[in-house]
Amino acid sequence: QAVPQPGSRGKEPIPQLKSKMSEGTGTCQSFNGGKGWGFIDMGGQTIFVHAQDCEVGKQPKVGDILTFTLEPRKNNPEQMQARNVLGCTAPRETASGGTFAGPIDGTGAHTGTVKNFGIKGYGFITMEDGNEIFFNVTDCVGSKPKAGDTVKFDIGQSTIKPGMSQARNVTGGSEPIESAGGGKG
């Protein structure tokens, strides 16, 4: 549908912009669980897929019918990438070849939402009272979080900065600990 250009009196229509993201359905044609990425065939178009964009604790296997949101890849906008991927039937593999069953529901005394967590292995949790607390991947148990994950944790003293607190025994992360960055995507 065309929208008249301001000042053109409706004579020169401008095509309306399509949304950046659209829905897609396709078949997994390949997936390397150790590396955490693969490709989906969507009617002859090849779509990149990364494990971090799949259901928690799962990854696609060849032949899976997947539904997803499409968006241009950040490092190659001409190629599309699948996000919010559903329909994965294989358990998530870790870099060491094991499987990732998903987050551990821990017993931490505190609950919060991960504000950020970088590839260098540290980040901040926004606690229920609104304050933020630092944590390191070495404080994570069973999995590591990504931004937006709800986690449970205990609070202990920082070993690096005396007098400062740090989250300990962090559980509830939705990513395997071994995948500390370096993947494609």
Protein backbone atom coordinates (compact mmCIF):
# COMPACT_ATOMS: atom_id res chain seq x y z
CA GLN A 1 0.00 0.00 0.00
CA ALA A 2 1.30 3.45 -0.87
CA VAL A 3 1.26 6.50 1.37
CA PRO A 4 1.09 9.95 -0.23
CA GLN A 5 4.27 11.97 0.26
CA PRO A 6 3.77 15.16 2.29
CA GLY A 7 3.41 18.15 -0.06
CA SER A 8 2.81 15.95 -3.14
CA ARG A 9 -1.01 16.24 -3.06
CA GLY A 10 -1.18 12.47 -3.36
CA LYS A 11 0.43 12.33 -6.82
CA GLU A 12 3.71 10.61 -5.83
CA PRO A 13 3.09 7.63 -3.55
CA ILE A 14 5.88 6.23 -1.36
CA PRO A 15 5.87 2.47 -0.72
CA GLN A 16 5.09 1.72 2.92
CA LEU A 17 8.06 0.16 4.74
CA LYS A 18 7.73 -3.45 5.79
CA SER A 19 8.47 -4.46 9.37
CA LYS A 20 12.13 -5.34 10.03
CA MET A 21 11.12 -8.76 11.37
CA SER A 22 8.73 -11.30 9.90
CA GLU A 23 7.65 -14.83 10.73
CA GLY A 24 9.05 -17.89 8.99
CA THR A 25 8.75 -21.67 8.85
CA GLY A 26 11.40 -24.01 7.52
CA THR A 27 13.24 -27.30 7.86
CA CYS A 28 16.57 -27.69 9.63
CA GLN A 29 19.07 -28.72 6.95
CA SER A 30 22.17 -28.80 9.21
CA PHE A 31 23.16 -28.01 12.79
CA ASN A 32 26.54 -28.37 14.55
CA GLY A 33 25.70 -28.75 18.23
CA GLY A 34 29.31 -28.41 19.36
CA LYS A 35 29.64 -25.04 17.63
CA GLY A 36 26.03 -24.05 18.30
CA TRP A 37 24.90 -23.02 14.82
CA GLY A 38 23.42 -24.31 11.60
CA PHE A 39 21.05 -23.58 8.74
CA ILE A 40 17.34 -23.75 8.00
CA ASP A 41 15.85 -24.20 4.52
CA MET A 42 12.86 -21.89 4.09
CA GLY A 43 11.50 -22.71 0.66
CA GLY A 44 14.90 -22.53 -1.03
CA GLN A 45 16.24 -19.62 1.07
CA THR A 46 19.01 -20.51 3.53
CA ILE A 47 18.53 -19.04 7.02
CA PHE A 48 21.26 -18.97 9.69
CA VAL A 49 20.31 -20.27 13.17
CA HIS A 50 22.26 -20.04 16.44
CA ALA A 51 21.61 -22.15 19.54
CA GLN A 52 21.14 -19.03 21.69
CA ASP A 53 18.05 -18.19 19.63
CA CYS A 54 16.42 -21.60 20.21
CA GLU A 55 14.20 -22.90 23.00
CA VAL A 56 15.97 -23.23 26.37
CA GLY A 57 17.79 -26.55 26.63
CA LYS A 58 17.05 -27.55 23.03
CA GLN A 59 18.60 -27.29 19.60
CA PRO A 60 17.32 -28.25 16.15
CA LYS A 61 18.24 -31.47 14.42
CA VAL A 62 18.16 -32.20 10.70
CA GLY A 63 14.57 -32.55 9.54
CA ASP A 64 12.94 -30.54 12.37
CA ILE A 65 10.14 -28.25 11.17
CA LEU A 66 10.91 -24.90 12.82
CA THR A 67 9.00 -21.67 13.26
CA PHE A 68 10.90 -18.46 13.92
CA THR A 69 11.18 -14.72 13.59
CA LEU A 70 13.41 -13.51 10.75
CA GLU A 71 15.79 -10.58 10.90
CA PRO A 72 18.94 -9.52 9.03
CA ARG A 73 22.21 -10.81 10.54
CA LYS A 74 24.16 -8.10 12.33
CA ASN A 75 27.49 -8.94 10.68
CA ASN A 76 25.97 -9.66 7.24
CA PRO A 77 22.64 -7.83 6.72
CA GLU A 78 22.12 -9.45 3.30
CA GLN A 79 21.68 -12.83 5.04
CA MET A 80 18.73 -13.58 7.30
CA GLN A 81 18.94 -15.08 10.79
CA ALA A 82 16.27 -16.99 12.71
CA ARG A 83 15.33 -15.73 16.20
CA ASN A 84 12.84 -17.10 18.76
CA VAL A 85 13.14 -20.57 17.18
CA LEU A 86 10.48 -23.14 18.14
CA GLY A 87 10.14 -26.80 17.17
CA CYS A 88 13.63 -27.98 18.22
CA THR A 89 13.63 -31.66 19.22
CA ALA A 90 17.27 -32.36 20.20
CA PRO A 91 18.76 -31.63 23.65
CA ARG A 92 21.22 -28.72 23.59
CA GLU A 93 24.84 -29.81 23.24
CA THR A 94 27.68 -28.03 24.96
CA ALA A 95 31.09 -27.21 23.48
CA SER A 96 32.52 -30.24 25.26
CA GLY A 97 29.98 -32.54 23.56
CA GLY A 98 27.68 -33.06 26.56
CA THR A 99 24.06 -31.97 26.66
CA PHE A 100 22.55 -28.91 28.32
CA ALA A 101 19.24 -29.71 30.02
CA GLY A 102 18.40 -26.10 30.82
CA PRO A 103 18.54 -23.90 33.89
CA ILE A 104 19.00 -25.27 37.38
CA ASP A 105 16.40 -24.08 39.89
CA GLY A 106 18.69 -23.18 42.77
CA THR A 107 18.12 -22.39 46.41
CA GLY A 108 19.63 -18.89 46.54
CA ALA A 109 18.23 -16.52 49.16
CA HIS A 110 17.82 -13.70 46.61
CA THR A 111 16.11 -13.34 43.22
CA GLY A 112 16.85 -10.86 40.46
CA THR A 113 16.94 -10.21 36.73
CA VAL A 114 20.20 -10.25 34.81
CA LYS A 115 20.84 -6.73 33.51
CA ASN A 116 23.81 -7.75 31.37
CA PHE A 117 26.37 -10.50 31.00
CA GLY A 118 29.28 -10.11 28.60
CA ILE A 119 31.59 -12.47 26.75
CA LYS A 120 34.35 -11.65 29.24
CA GLY A 121 32.38 -13.60 31.85
CA TYR A 122 30.90 -11.00 34.18
CA GLY A 123 27.78 -8.92 34.51
CA PHE A 124 25.19 -7.38 36.83
CA ILE A 125 21.94 -8.57 38.35
CA THR A 126 19.15 -6.13 39.23
CA MET A 127 17.87 -7.30 42.60
CA GLU A 128 14.21 -7.11 43.67
CA ASP A 129 14.92 -3.90 45.63
CA GLY A 130 16.30 -2.22 42.47
CA ASN A 131 19.97 -2.34 43.51
CA GLU A 132 22.50 -3.99 41.23
CA ILE A 133 25.06 -6.61 42.20
CA PHE A 134 28.12 -7.84 40.30
CA PHE A 135 28.65 -11.51 39.40
CA ASN A 136 31.25 -13.58 37.57
CA VAL A 137 30.77 -16.74 35.50
CA THR A 138 32.77 -18.58 38.19
CA ASP A 139 29.84 -17.83 40.54
CA CYS A 140 27.36 -19.58 38.22
CA VAL A 141 26.14 -23.11 38.95
CA GLY A 142 25.18 -25.46 36.11
CA SER A 143 24.55 -22.75 33.53
CA LYS A 144 25.24 -19.10 32.79
CA PRO A 145 22.62 -16.39 32.31
CA LYS A 146 21.92 -13.95 29.53
CA ALA A 147 20.29 -10.53 29.84
CA GLY A 148 16.69 -10.87 30.98
CA ASP A 149 17.05 -14.23 32.75
CA THR A 150 15.56 -14.46 36.25
CA VAL A 151 18.15 -15.95 38.60
CA LYS A 152 18.50 -16.98 42.22
CA PHE A 153 21.69 -16.26 44.14
CA ASP A 154 23.37 -15.75 47.50
CA ILE A 155 25.38 -12.68 48.44
CA GLY A 156 29.00 -12.95 49.55
CA GLN A 157 32.07 -10.77 49.83
CA SER A 158 34.08 -9.96 46.73
CA THR A 159 37.49 -11.59 46.67
CA ILE A 160 38.82 -8.90 44.33
CA LYS A 161 37.33 -5.77 45.94
CA PRO A 162 37.36 -6.05 49.75
CA GLY A 163 34.29 -4.53 51.38
CA MET A 164 32.15 -5.03 48.25
CA SER A 165 29.40 -7.63 47.84
CA GLN A 166 29.10 -10.04 44.95
CA ALA A 167 26.45 -12.56 43.84
CA ARG A 168 27.44 -16.17 44.57
CA ASN A 169 25.87 -19.53 43.60
CA VAL A 170 23.98 -17.96 40.68
CA THR A 171 21.40 -20.38 39.22
CA GLY A 172 18.70 -20.10 36.58
CA GLY A 173 20.85 -19.14 33.59
CA SER A 174 19.51 -20.24 30.21
CA GLU A 175 22.88 -20.87 28.49
CA PRO A 176 25.48 -23.62 28.92
CA ILE A 177 28.54 -22.46 30.84
CA GLU A 178 31.00 -23.74 28.22
CA SER A 179 29.71 -21.47 25.44
CA ALA A 180 31.71 -18.42 26.57
CA GLY A 181 31.42 -16.52 23.30
CA GLY A 182 33.33 -16.88 20.07
CA GLY A 183 30.47 -18.43 18.08
CA LYS A 184 29.13 -17.22 14.75
CA GLY A 185 26.18 -14.88 14.49
